[in-house]
Every structure is written in C-alpha cells, then in structure tokens.
PDB file of N, CA and C in Angstrom:
ATOM      1  N   MET A   1     -65.605-189.670  20.366  1.00  0.00           N
ATOM      2  CA  MET A   1     -66.945-190.079  20.605  1.00  0.00           C
ATOM      3  C   MET A   1     -67.567-190.421  19.679  1.00  0.00           C
ATOM      4  N   SER A   2     -68.486-191.636  19.966  1.00  0.00           N
ATOM      5  CA  SER A   2     -69.370-192.193  18.874  1.00  0.00           C
ATOM      6  C   SER A   2     -70.398-191.422  18.868  1.00  0.00           C
ATOM      7  N   ALA A   3     -71.139-191.615  17.677  1.00  0.00           N
ATOM      8  CA  ALA A   3     -72.253-190.862  17.270  1.00  0.00           C
ATOM      9  C   ALA A   3     -73.271-191.002  18.251  1.00  0.00           C
ATOM     10  N   ALA A   4     -73.462-192.192  18.938  1.00  0.00           N
ATOM     11  CA  ALA A   4     -74.482-192.632  19.685  1.00  0.00           C
ATOM     12  C   ALA A   4     -74.275-191.763  21.200  1.00  0.00           C
ATOM     13  N   SER A   5     -72.972-191.481  21.419  1.00  0.00           N
ATOM     14  CA  SER A   5     -72.593-190.882  22.776  1.00  0.00           C
ATOM     15  C   SER A   5     -72.655-189.470  22.516  1.00  0.00           C
ATOM     16  N   ALA A   6     -72.498-188.638  21.440  1.00  0.00           N
ATOM     17  CA  ALA A   6     -72.998-187.531  21.202  1.00  0.00           C
ATOM     18  C   ALA A   6     -74.240-187.254  21.196  1.00  0.00           C
ATOM     19  N   TYR A   7     -75.061-188.188  20.568  1.00  0.00           N
ATOM     20  CA  TYR A   7     -76.496-187.652  20.864  1.00  0.00           C
ATOM     21  C   TYR A   7     -76.873-187.830  22.288  1.00  0.00           C
ATOM     22  N   HIS A   8     -76.529-188.665  22.791  1.00  0.00           N
ATOM     23  CA  HIS A   8     -76.916-188.730  24.389  1.00  0.00           C
ATOM     24  C   HIS A   8     -76.521-187.502  25.129  1.00  0.00           C
ATOM     25  N   GLU A   9     -75.289-187.011  24.831  1.00  0.00           N
ATOM     26  CA  GLU A   9     -74.693-185.962  25.479  1.00  0.00           C
ATOM     27  C   GLU A   9     -75.623-184.538  25.020  1.00  0.00           C
ATOM     28  N   VAL A  10     -75.973-184.559  23.754  1.00  0.00           N
ATOM     29  CA  VAL A  10     -76.935-183.278  23.316  1.00  0.00           C
ATOM     30  C   VAL A  10     -78.129-183.299  24.283  1.00  0.00           C
ATOM     31  N   VAL A  11     -78.738-184.681  24.339  1.00  0.00           N
ATOM     32  CA  VAL A  11     -79.809-184.726  24.627  1.00  0.00           C
ATOM     33  C   VAL A  11     -79.643-184.366  26.462  1.00  0.00           C
ATOM     34  N   ARG A  12     -78.768-184.823  27.062  1.00  0.00           N
ATOM     35  CA  ARG A  12     -78.067-184.636  28.613  1.00  0.00           C
ATOM     36  C   ARG A  12     -78.306-183.323  28.626  1.00  0.00           C
ATOM     37  N   ARG A  13     -77.597-182.252  27.713  1.00  0.00           N
ATOM     38  CA  ARG A  13     -77.525-180.965  28.087  1.00  0.00           C
ATOM     39  C   ARG A  13     -78.646-180.106  27.834  1.00  0.00           C
ATOM     40  N   ALA A  14     -79.650-180.505  26.885  1.00  0.00           N
ATOM     41  CA  ALA A  14     -80.931-179.788  26.998  1.00  0.00           C
ATOM     42  C   ALA A  14     -81.668-180.275  27.874  1.00  0.00           C
ATOM     43  N   GLY A  15     -81.987-181.186  28.321  1.00  0.00           N
ATOM     44  CA  GLY A  15     -82.723-181.456  29.343  1.00  0.00           C
ATOM     45  C   GLY A  15     -82.110-181.006  30.916  1.00  0.00           C
ATOM     46  N   ARG A  16     -80.894-180.484  30.844  1.00  0.00           N
ATOM     47  CA  ARG A  16     -80.314-180.093  32.239  1.00  0.00           C
ATOM     48  C   ARG A  16     -80.495-178.194  32.079  1.00  0.00           C
ATOM     49  N   LEU A  17     -81.055-177.609  30.661  1.00  0.00           N
ATOM     50  CA  LEU A  17     -81.024-176.227  30.703  1.00  0.00           C
ATOM     51  C   LEU A  17     -82.034-175.642  31.962  1.00  0.00           C
ATOM     52  N   PRO A  18     -81.922-174.620  32.393  1.00  0.00           N
ATOM     53  CA  PRO A  18     -82.523-173.988  33.636  1.00  0.00           C
ATOM     54  C   PRO A  18     -83.945-173.917  33.062  1.00  0.00           C
ATOM     55  N   GLY A  19     -85.160-174.664  33.728  1.00  0.00           N
ATOM     56  CA  GLY A  19     -86.096-175.085  33.441  1.00  0.00           C
ATOM     57  C   GLY A  19     -86.821-176.056  32.660  1.00  0.00           C
ATOM     58  N   ALA A  20     -86.064-176.515  32.300  1.00  0.00           N
ATOM     59  CA  ALA A  20     -86.445-177.713  31.477  1.00  0.00           C
ATOM     60  C   ALA A  20     -86.489-179.166  32.466  1.00  0.00           C
ATOM     61  N   ARG A  21     -87.313-179.789  32.024  1.00  0.00           N
ATOM     62  CA  ARG A  21     -87.708-181.478  32.736  1.00  0.00           C
ATOM     63  C   ARG A  21     -87.120-182.401  32.017  1.00  0.00           C
ATOM     64  N   GLY A  22     -86.808-182.335  30.819  1.00  0.00           N
ATOM     65  CA  GLY A  22     -86.095-183.387  30.251  1.00  0.00           C
ATOM     66  C   GLY A  22     -86.087-183.046  28.551  1.00  0.00           C
ATOM     67  N   ALA A  23     -85.412-183.951  28.280  1.00  0.00           N
ATOM     68  CA  ALA A  23     -85.451-183.483  26.461  1.00  0.00           C
ATOM     69  C   ALA A  23     -85.222-185.188  25.823  1.00  0.00           C
ATOM     70  N   LEU A  24     -85.455-185.340  24.548  1.00  0.00           N
ATOM     71  CA  LEU A  24     -85.716-186.328  23.931  1.00  0.00           C
ATOM     72  C   LEU A  24     -85.121-186.231  22.237  1.00  0.00           C
ATOM     73  N   LEU A  25     -84.813-187.104  21.538  1.00  0.00           N
ATOM     74  CA  LEU A  25     -84.321-186.772  20.269  1.00  0.00           C
ATOM     75  C   LEU A  25     -84.713-187.999  19.496  1.00  0.00           C
ATOM     76  N   ALA A  26     -85.501-187.829  18.337  1.00  0.00           N
ATOM     77  CA  ALA A  26     -85.805-188.794  17.590  1.00  0.00           C
ATOM     78  C   ALA A  26     -85.692-188.740  16.253  1.00  0.00           C
ATOM     79  N   SER A  27     -85.843-189.477  15.443  1.00  0.00           N
ATOM     80  CA  SER A  27     -85.767-189.508  13.585  1.00  0.00           C
ATOM     81  C   SER A  27     -87.328-189.001  13.436  1.00  0.00           C
ATOM     82  N   LEU A  28     -86.928-187.938  12.421  1.00  0.00           N
ATOM     83  CA  LEU A  28     -88.323-187.413  11.717  1.00  0.00           C
ATOM     84  C   LEU A  28     -88.984-188.369  10.841  1.00  0.00           C
ATOM     85  N   GLU A  29     -87.908-189.226  10.382  1.00  0.00           N
ATOM     86  CA  GLU A  29     -88.253-190.343   9.167  1.00  0.00           C
ATOM     87  C   GLU A  29     -88.816-191.474   9.907  1.00  0.00           C
ATOM     88  N   ASP A  30     -88.600-192.120  11.191  1.00  0.00           N
ATOM     89  CA  ASP A  30     -89.614-193.177  11.522  1.00  0.00           C
ATOM     90  C   ASP A  30     -90.364-192.950  12.845  1.00  0.00           C
ATOM     91  N   GLY A  31     -89.787-191.878  13.153  1.00  0.00           N
ATOM     92  CA  GLY A  31     -90.218-191.569  14.657  1.00  0.00           C
ATOM     93  C   GLY A  31     -89.537-192.280  15.926  1.00  0.00           C
ATOM     94  N   LEU A  32     -88.398-193.302  15.773  1.00  0.00           N
ATOM     95  CA  LEU A  32     -87.856-193.646  16.740  1.00  0.00           C
ATOM     96  C   LEU A  32     -86.752-192.786  17.538  1.00  0.00           C
ATOM     97  N   VAL A  33     -86.795-193.301  18.946  1.00  0.00           N
ATOM     98  CA  VAL A  33     -86.112-192.406  20.155  1.00  0.00           C
ATOM     99  C   VAL A  33     -84.811-192.862  19.673  1.00  0.00           C
ATOM    100  N   ILE A  34     -83.983-191.900  19.538  1.00  0.00           N
ATOM    101  CA  ILE A  34     -82.715-191.909  19.480  1.00  0.00           C
ATOM    102  C   ILE A  34     -81.593-191.831  20.878  1.00  0.00           C
ATOM    103  N   ALA A  35     -82.381-190.610  21.577  1.00  0.00           N
ATOM    104  CA  ALA A  35     -81.770-190.797  22.805  1.00  0.00           C
ATOM    105  C   ALA A  35     -82.871-189.993  23.821  1.00  0.00           C
ATOM    106  N   SER A  36     -83.133-190.066  25.020  1.00  0.00           N
ATOM    107  CA  SER A  36     -83.637-189.434  25.935  1.00  0.00           C
ATOM    108  C   SER A  36     -83.138-189.522  27.516  1.00  0.00           C
ATOM    109  N   SER A  37     -83.719-188.279  27.849  1.00  0.00           N
ATOM    110  CA  SER A  37     -83.646-188.029  29.287  1.00  0.00           C
ATOM    111  C   SER A  37     -84.846-187.588  29.947  1.00  0.00           C
ATOM    112  N   LEU A  38     -85.890-188.023  29.771  1.00  0.00           N
ATOM    113  CA  LEU A  38     -86.793-187.902  30.436  1.00  0.00           C
ATOM    114  C   LEU A  38     -87.345-188.305  31.875  1.00  0.00           C
ATOM    115  N   PRO A  39     -88.381-187.498  32.566  1.00  0.00           N
ATOM    116  CA  PRO A  39     -88.424-188.119  34.062  1.00  0.00           C
ATOM    117  C   PRO A  39     -89.621-189.150  33.942  1.00  0.00           C
ATOM    118  N   HIS A  40     -89.406-189.556  35.140  1.00  0.00           N
ATOM    119  CA  HIS A  40     -90.097-190.863  35.127  1.00  0.00           C
ATOM    120  C   HIS A  40     -91.805-190.579  35.081  1.00  0.00           C
ATOM    121  N   GLY A  41     -92.112-191.747  34.314  1.00  0.00           N
ATOM    122  CA  GLY A  41     -93.502-191.534  33.890  1.00  0.00           C
ATOM    123  C   GLY A  41     -94.048-191.068  32.427  1.00  0.00           C
ATOM    124  N   VAL A  42     -92.992-190.379  31.984  1.00  0.00           N
ATOM    125  CA  VAL A  42     -93.155-189.784  30.333  1.00  0.00           C
ATOM    126  C   VAL A  42     -92.598-191.115  29.590  1.00  0.00           C
ATOM    127  N   ASP A  43     -93.570-191.526  28.886  1.00  0.00           N
ATOM    128  CA  ASP A  43     -93.420-192.540  27.950  1.00  0.00           C
ATOM    129  C   ASP A  43     -92.440-191.964  26.577  1.00  0.00           C
ATOM    130  N   ALA A  44     -91.132-192.165  26.173  1.00  0.00           N
ATOM    131  CA  ALA A  44     -90.612-191.486  25.074  1.00  0.00           C
ATOM    132  C   ALA A  44     -91.032-191.922  24.021  1.00  0.00           C
ATOM    133  N   ASP A  45     -91.641-193.251  24.040  1.00  0.00           N
ATOM    134  CA  ASP A  45     -91.953-193.384  22.364  1.00  0.00           C
ATOM    135  C   ASP A  45     -93.258-192.956  21.927  1.00  0.00           C
ATOM    136  N   SER A  46     -94.208-192.873  23.125  1.00  0.00           N
ATOM    137  CA  SER A  46     -95.449-192.074  22.790  1.00  0.00           C
ATOM    138  C   SER A  46     -95.176-190.267  22.455  1.00  0.00           C
ATOM    139  N   LEU A  47     -94.047-189.768  22.911  1.00  0.00           N
ATOM    140  CA  LEU A  47     -93.546-188.524  23.057  1.00  0.00           C
ATOM    141  C   LEU A  47     -92.815-188.343  21.837  1.00  0.00           C
ATOM    142  N   ALA A  48     -92.257-189.244  21.562  1.00  0.00           N
ATOM    143  CA  ALA A  48     -91.684-189.022  20.173  1.00  0.00           C
ATOM    144  C   ALA A  48     -92.766-189.185  18.941  1.00  0.00           C
ATOM    145  N   ALA A  49     -93.531-190.283  18.905  1.00  0.00           N
ATOM    146  CA  ALA A  49     -94.424-190.135  17.978  1.00  0.00           C
ATOM    147  C   ALA A  49     -95.283-188.926  17.883  1.00  0.00           C
ATOM    148  N   LEU A  50     -95.954-188.314  19.192  1.00  0.00           N
ATOM    149  CA  LEU A  50     -96.444-187.019  18.815  1.00  0.00           C
ATOM    150  C   LEU A  50     -95.758-186.211  18.392  1.00  0.00           C
ATOM    151  N   GLY A  51     -94.461-185.667  18.450  1.00  0.00           N
ATOM    152  CA  GLY A  51     -93.726-184.946  18.281  1.00  0.00           C
ATOM    153  C   GLY A  51     -93.511-184.787  16.925  1.00  0.00           C
ATOM    154  N   VAL A  52     -93.358-186.196  16.017  1.00  0.00           N
ATOM    155  CA  VAL A  52     -92.950-186.320  14.663  1.00  0.00           C
ATOM    156  C   VAL A  52     -94.070-186.085  13.973  1.00  0.00           C
ATOM    157  N   ALA A  53     -95.267-186.427  14.241  1.00  0.00           N
ATOM    158  CA  ALA A  53     -96.541-186.333  13.827  1.00  0.00           C
ATOM    159  C   ALA A  53     -96.748-184.561  13.704  1.00  0.00           C
ATOM    160  N   ILE A  54     -96.601-184.123  14.907  1.00  0.00           N
ATOM    161  CA  ILE A  54     -96.814-182.495  14.923  1.00  0.00           C
ATOM    162  C   ILE A  54     -95.770-181.829  14.002  1.00  0.00           C
ATOM    163  N   ALA A  55     -94.558-182.169  14.261  1.00  0.00           N
ATOM    164  CA  ALA A  55     -93.668-181.613  13.238  1.00  0.00           C
ATOM    165  C   ALA A  55     -93.712-182.016  11.823  1.00  0.00           C
ATOM    166  N   ARG A  56     -94.334-183.023  11.386  1.00  0.00           N
ATOM    167  CA  ARG A  56     -94.540-183.267   9.741  1.00  0.00           C
ATOM    168  C   ARG A  56     -95.651-182.369   9.605  1.00  0.00           C
ATOM    169  N   ARG A  57     -96.955-182.384  10.238  1.00  0.00           N
ATOM    170  CA  ARG A  57     -98.052-181.565   9.961  1.00  0.00           C
ATOM    171  C   ARG A  57     -97.753-180.285   9.825  1.00  0.00           C
ATOM    172  N   ALA A  58     -96.803-179.421  10.590  1.00  0.00           N
ATOM    173  CA  ALA A  58     -96.328-178.105  10.627  1.00  0.00           C
ATOM    174  C   ALA A  58     -95.348-177.973   9.380  1.00  0.00           C
ATOM    175  N   ALA A  59     -94.531-179.037   9.254  1.00  0.00           N
ATOM    176  CA  ALA A  59     -93.781-178.654   7.793  1.00  0.00           C
ATOM    177  C   ALA A  59     -94.565-178.428   6.445  1.00  0.00           C
ATOM    178  N   VAL A  60     -95.814-179.410   6.230  1.00  0.00           N
ATOM    179  CA  VAL A  60     -96.914-179.404   5.370  1.00  0.00           C
ATOM    180  C   VAL A  60     -97.501-177.950   5.368  1.00  0.00           C
ATOM    181  N   ALA A  61     -97.563-177.478   6.689  1.00  0.00           N
ATOM    182  CA  ALA A  61     -98.521-176.203   6.401  1.00  0.00           C
ATOM    183  C   ALA A  61     -97.529-174.933   6.322  1.00  0.00           C
ATOM    184  N   CYS A  62     -96.118-174.887   6.777  1.00  0.00           N
ATOM    185  CA  CYS A  62     -95.384-173.636   6.592  1.00  0.00           C
ATOM    186  C   CYS A  62     -94.831-173.921   5.227  1.00  0.00           C
ATOM    187  N   ARG A  63     -94.816-175.277   4.538  1.00  0.00           N
ATOM    188  CA  ARG A  63     -94.359-174.588   3.080  1.00  0.00           C
ATOM    189  C   ARG A  63     -95.838-174.513   2.431  1.00  0.00           C
ATOM    190  N   ALA A  64     -97.080-174.877   2.858  1.00  0.00           N
ATOM    191  CA  ALA A  64     -98.253-174.188   2.004  1.00  0.00           C
ATOM    192  C   ALA A  64     -98.357-173.040   2.101  1.00  0.00           C
ATOM    193  N   ALA A  65     -97.857-172.236   3.429  1.00  0.00           N
ATOM    194  CA  ALA A  65     -97.935-170.825   3.595  1.00  0.00           C
ATOM    195  C   ALA A  65     -96.782-170.191   3.152  1.00  0.00           C
ATOM    196  N   GLY A  66     -95.752-170.711   2.289  1.00  0.00           N
ATOM    197  CA  GLY A  66     -94.891-169.967   1.900  1.00  0.00           C
ATOM    198  C   GLY A  66     -93.481-169.774   2.963  1.00  0.00           C
ATOM    199  N   PHE A  67     -93.680-170.312   3.962  1.00  0.00           N
ATOM    200  CA  PHE A  67     -92.685-169.931   5.045  1.00  0.00           C
ATOM    201  C   PHE A  67     -91.505-170.519   4.886  1.00  0.00           C
ATOM    202  N   GLY A  68     -91.165-171.902   4.267  1.00  0.00           N
ATOM    203  CA  GLY A  68     -90.133-172.448   4.300  1.00  0.00           C
ATOM    204  C   GLY A  68     -89.863-173.662   4.998  1.00  0.00           C
ATOM    205  N   ALA A  69     -89.041-174.080   5.676  1.00  0.00           N
ATOM    206  CA  ALA A  69     -88.764-175.278   6.288  1.00  0.00           C
ATOM    207  C   ALA A  69     -88.923-174.948   7.813  1.00  0.00           C
ATOM    208  N   THR A  70     -89.773-175.696   8.212  1.00  0.00           N
ATOM    209  CA  THR A  70     -90.073-175.441   9.986  1.00  0.00           C
ATOM    210  C   THR A  70     -88.492-175.644  10.845  1.00  0.00           C
ATOM    211  N   ARG A  71     -88.502-174.817  11.718  1.00  0.00           N
ATOM    212  CA  ARG A  71     -87.111-174.880  12.554  1.00  0.00           C
ATOM    213  C   ARG A  71     -87.728-174.819  14.051  1.00  0.00           C
ATOM    214  N   LEU A  72     -88.893-174.689  14.618  1.00  0.00           N
ATOM    215  CA  LEU A  72     -89.342-174.746  15.925  1.00  0.00           C
ATOM    216  C   LEU A  72     -90.445-174.335  16.270  1.00  0.00           C
ATOM    217  N   LEU A  73     -91.175-175.457  17.393  1.00  0.00           N
ATOM    218  CA  LEU A  73     -92.372-175.543  17.254  1.00  0.00           C
ATOM    219  C   LEU A  73     -92.717-174.997  18.873  1.00  0.00           C
ATOM    220  N   LEU A  74     -93.809-174.469  19.372  1.00  0.00           N
ATOM    221  CA  LEU A  74     -93.989-174.541  21.143  1.00  0.00           C
ATOM    222  C   LEU A  74     -95.234-174.597  21.039  1.00  0.00           C
ATOM    223  N   LEU A  75     -95.507-175.666  22.109  1.00  0.00           N
ATOM    224  CA  LEU A  75     -96.933-176.115  22.551  1.00  0.00           C
ATOM    225  C   LEU A  75     -96.812-175.664  24.172  1.00  0.00           C
ATOM    226  N   ASP A  76     -97.958-174.890  24.186  1.00  0.00           N
ATOM    227  CA  ASP A  76     -98.131-174.064  25.681  1.00  0.00           C
ATOM    228  C   ASP A  76     -99.200-174.527  26.338  1.00  0.00           C
ATOM    229  N   SER A  77     -99.121-174.960  27.734  1.00  0.00           N
ATOM    230  CA  SER A  77    -100.312-175.566  28.285  1.00  0.00           C
ATOM    231  C   SER A  77    -100.035-175.178  29.600  1.00  0.00           C
ATOM    232  N   SER A  78    -101.350-175.646  30.675  1.00  0.00           N
ATOM    233  CA  SER A  78    -100.838-174.842  31.823  1.00  0.00           C
ATOM    234  C   SER A  78    -100.575-175.516  32.571  1.00  0.00           C
ATOM    235  N   ASN A  79     -99.815-176.552  32.139  1.00  0.00           N
ATOM    236  CA  ASN A  79     -98.750-177.338  33.363  1.00  0.00           C
ATOM    237  C   ASN A  79     -97.327-177.589  32.658  1.00  0.00           C
ATOM    238  N   GLY A  80     -97.074-176.522  31.452  1.00  0.00           N
ATOM    239  CA  GLY A  80     -95.655-176.661  30.965  1.00  0.00           C
ATOM    240  C   GLY A  80     -95.379-176.547  29.687  1.00  0.00           C
ATOM    241  N   HIS A  81     -94.582-176.654  28.799  1.00  0.00           N
ATOM    242  CA  HIS A  81     -94.199-176.389  27.457  1.00  0.00           C
ATOM    243  C   HIS A  81     -93.571-177.885  26.908  1.00  0.00           C
ATOM    244  N   LEU A  82     -93.901-177.733  25.326  1.00  0.00           N
ATOM    245  CA  LEU A  82     -93.333-178.576  24.520  1.00  0.00           C
ATOM    246  C   LEU A  82     -92.569-177.937  23.898  1.00  0.00           C
ATOM    247  N   VAL A  83     -91.112-177.969  23.556  1.00  0.00           N
ATOM    248  CA  VAL A  83     -90.551-177.049  22.471  1.00  0.00           C
ATOM    249  C   VAL A  83     -90.047-177.813  21.846  1.00  0.00           C
ATOM    250  N   LEU A  84     -90.226-177.989  20.362  1.00  0.00           N
ATOM    251  CA  LEU A  84     -89.674-179.057  19.500  1.00  0.00           C
ATOM    252  C   LEU A  84     -88.768-178.252  18.464  1.00  0.00           C
ATOM    253  N   GLY A  85     -87.593-178.817  18.156  1.00  0.00           N
ATOM    254  CA  GLY A  85     -86.404-177.982  17.603  1.00  0.00           C
ATOM    255  C   GLY A  85     -86.605-179.148  15.941  1.00  0.00           C
ATOM    256  N   VAL A  86     -86.337-178.642  14.702  1.00  0.00           N
ATOM    257  CA  VAL A  86     -86.168-179.695  13.787  1.00  0.00           C
ATOM    258  C   VAL A  86     -84.870-179.431  13.230  1.00  0.00           C
ATOM    259  N   ARG A  87     -83.988-180.244  13.085  1.00  0.00           N
ATOM    260  CA  ARG A  87     -83.133-180.251  12.299  1.00  0.00           C
ATOM    261  C   ARG A  87     -82.415-181.510  11.250  1.00  0.00           C
ATOM    262  N   ARG A  88     -82.532-181.071   9.857  1.00  0.00           N
ATOM    263  CA  ARG A  88     -82.412-181.903   9.057  1.00  0.00           C
ATOM    264  C   ARG A  88     -83.403-183.102   9.218  1.00  0.00           C
ATOM    265  N   ASP A  89     -83.256-184.393   9.739  1.00  0.00           N
ATOM    266  CA  ASP A  89     -83.934-185.593   9.963  1.00  0.00           C
ATOM    267  C   ASP A  89     -84.224-185.730  10.987  1.00  0.00           C
ATOM    268  N   LEU A  90     -83.435-184.886  12.358  1.00  0.00           N
ATOM    269  CA  LEU A  90     -83.968-184.950  13.452  1.00  0.00           C
ATOM    270  C   LEU A  90     -84.722-183.972  14.148  1.00  0.00           C
ATOM    271  N   LEU A  91     -85.589-184.888  15.383  1.00  0.00           N
ATOM    272  CA  LEU A  91     -86.401-183.684  16.168  1.00  0.00           C
ATOM    273  C   LEU A  91     -85.506-184.005  17.287  1.00  0.00           C
ATOM    274  N   MET A  92     -85.689-182.741  18.025  1.00  0.00           N
ATOM    275  CA  MET A  92     -85.201-182.521  19.394  1.00  0.00           C
ATOM    276  C   MET A  92     -86.521-181.842  20.255  1.00  0.00           C
ATOM    277  N   ILE A  93     -87.211-182.471  21.358  1.00  0.00           N
ATOM    278  CA  ILE A  93     -88.096-182.080  22.138  1.00  0.00           C
ATOM    279  C   ILE A  93     -87.712-181.986  23.412  1.00  0.00           C
ATOM    280  N   VAL A  94     -88.125-180.701  24.033  1.00  0.00           N
ATOM    281  CA  VAL A  94     -87.552-179.971  25.024  1.00  0.00           C
ATOM    282  C   VAL A  94     -88.807-180.151  26.064  1.00  0.00           C
ATOM    283  N   LEU A  95     -89.011-180.830  27.126  1.00  0.00           N
ATOM    284  CA  LEU A  95     -90.271-180.283  28.200  1.00  0.00           C
ATOM    285  C   LEU A  95     -89.919-179.158  28.994  1.00  0.00           C
ATOM    286  N   GLY A  96     -90.381-178.132  28.992  1.00  0.00           N
ATOM    287  CA  GLY A  96     -90.240-177.128  29.827  1.00  0.00           C
ATOM    288  C   GLY A  96     -91.121-177.066  30.888  1.00  0.00           C
ATOM    289  N   ARG A  97     -90.932-176.573  32.097  1.00  0.00           N
ATOM    290  CA  ARG A  97     -91.419-176.207  33.344  1.00  0.00           C
ATOM    291  C   ARG A  97     -92.313-175.201  33.200  1.00  0.00           C
ATOM    292  N   PRO A  98     -93.559-174.942  33.730  1.00  0.00           N
ATOM    293  CA  PRO A  98     -94.422-173.549  33.761  1.00  0.00           C
ATOM    294  C   PRO A  98     -93.484-172.458  34.370  1.00  0.00           C
ATOM    295  N   GLY A  99     -93.599-171.070  33.458  1.00  0.00           N
ATOM    296  CA  GLY A  99     -92.904-170.436  33.833  1.00  0.00           C
ATOM    297  C   GLY A  99     -91.108-170.326  33.511  1.00  0.00           C
ATOM    298  N   CYS A 100     -90.846-171.245  32.933  1.00  0.00           N
ATOM    299  CA  CYS A 100     -89.352-171.489  32.269  1.00  0.00           C
ATOM    300  C   CYS A 100     -89.109-170.293  31.311  1.00  0.00           C
ATOM    301  N   SER A 101     -87.638-170.175  31.168  1.00  0.00           N
ATOM    302  CA  SER A 101     -87.296-169.009  30.135  1.00  0.00           C
ATOM    303  C   SER A 101     -87.511-169.988  28.555  1.00  0.00           C
ATOM    304  N   LEU A 102     -88.651-169.313  27.962  1.00  0.00           N
ATOM    305  CA  LEU A 102     -88.937-169.963  26.851  1.00  0.00           C
ATOM    306  C   LEU A 102     -88.076-169.471  25.594  1.00  0.00           C
ATOM    307  N   GLY A 103     -87.179-168.325  26.344  1.00  0.00           N
ATOM    308  CA  GLY A 103     -86.497-167.681  25.235  1.00  0.00           C
ATOM    309  C   GLY A 103     -85.188-168.670  25.126  1.00  0.00           C
ATOM    310  N   LEU A 104     -84.861-169.177  26.423  1.00  0.00           N
ATOM    311  CA  LEU A 104     -83.423-169.811  26.606  1.00  0.00           C
ATOM    312  C   LEU A 104     -83.544-171.110  25.857  1.00  0.00           C
ATOM    313  N   LEU A 105     -84.698-171.831  26.045  1.00  0.00           N
ATOM    314  CA  LEU A 105     -85.188-172.983  25.424  1.00  0.00           C
ATOM    315  C   LEU A 105     -84.967-172.774  23.844  1.00  0.00           C
ATOM    316  N   ARG A 106     -85.796-171.942  23.195  1.00  0.00           N
ATOM    317  CA  ARG A 106     -85.623-171.629  21.793  1.00  0.00           C
ATOM    318  C   ARG A 106     -84.312-171.468  21.457  1.00  0.00           C
ATOM    319  N   GLN A 107     -83.531-170.655  22.017  1.00  0.00           N
ATOM    320  CA  GLN A 107     -82.235-170.402  21.730  1.00  0.00           C
ATOM    321  C   GLN A 107     -81.275-171.483  21.584  1.00  0.00           C
ATOM    322  N   HIS A 108     -81.416-172.400  22.396  1.00  0.00           N
ATOM    323  CA  HIS A 108     -80.671-173.738  22.221  1.00  0.00           C
ATOM    324  C   HIS A 108     -81.160-174.509  21.253  1.00  0.00           C
ATOM    325  N   LEU A 109     -82.324-174.716  20.817  1.00  0.00           N
ATOM    326  CA  LEU A 109     -82.692-175.240  20.023  1.00  0.00           C
ATOM    327  C   LEU A 109     -82.531-174.624  18.626  1.00  0.00           C
ATOM    328  N   LEU A 110     -82.672-173.764  18.308  1.00  0.00           N
ATOM    329  CA  LEU A 110     -82.194-172.951  17.432  1.00  0.00           C
ATOM    330  C   LEU A 110     -80.636-172.737  16.988  1.00  0.00           C
ATOM    331  N   GLY A 111     -79.814-173.097  17.995  1.00  0.00           N
ATOM    332  CA  GLY A 111     -78.322-173.394  18.071  1.00  0.00           C
ATOM    333  C   GLY A 111     -77.567-174.373  17.525  1.00  0.00           C
ATOM    334  N   GLN A 112     -76.847-174.808  17.752  1.00  0.00           N
ATOM    335  CA  GLN A 112     -76.046-176.014  17.534  1.00  0.00           C
ATOM    336  C   GLN A 112     -76.227-176.904  18.774  1.00  0.00           C
ATOM    337  N   TRP A 113     -76.859-177.905  17.922  1.00  0.00           N
ATOM    338  CA  TRP A 113     -76.973-179.055  19.115  1.00  0.00           C
ATOM    339  C   TRP A 113     -76.929-180.580  17.899  1.00  0.00           C
TER     340      TRP A 113
END
C-alpha cells in the first residue's frame, strides 16, 4: 500500500468512528491537507489551517507550562466537537457530533493511526 493510500485509509477509518462526522489529516509544517473525508460544505483547507494554528499555539503553551509535547486537543461547541490529535509532523482532526463518545475519539487519536 502506498503512503498516500495509507493516509486516506487512516482518515476514512477515523471519519467512520461512531459519532464522527468526518476527519482530516494535515501537515503541521505547512498546513496542507494530506487526506480528508469531510461532510459536504466543510472546507478542508480552512479546517486544516485552523487546526494547525490551534495546535501550534497549544504546543507553545504546553511547553511554557512544562507539560511537554501536545498530543490531543478538544474544542467543544453547542453543535459538536473538534478533536485534534498531534503525531510527529501530522495533525488529525476528527469532527464529532453532539453527544458523541469523546472517549472513543480520544482513544483513537491517542492510539495508532
């Protein structure tokens, strides 16, 4: 399986988790979308740019607080969740539906992907 196919499969699996609406994988270095499986109307490039900006700021804050590397971020809103997982130079974003199992999404993003 090629690297591109592997990335698409990882995103497809994450987007099909119970309670997930979709997922995206982006480069933390330049914010470019590597693979995405998002619902109609969600702009992958804008979501990646937002996610990378948040992840970079969180990394600075975590280091300043002495917490070490950022691994997971959760944004909770009235209409759903953004769950961001950081691994090396990659950012995985999973869109969660309201009331979804955040523990399951968290477990997935902290596990192997």
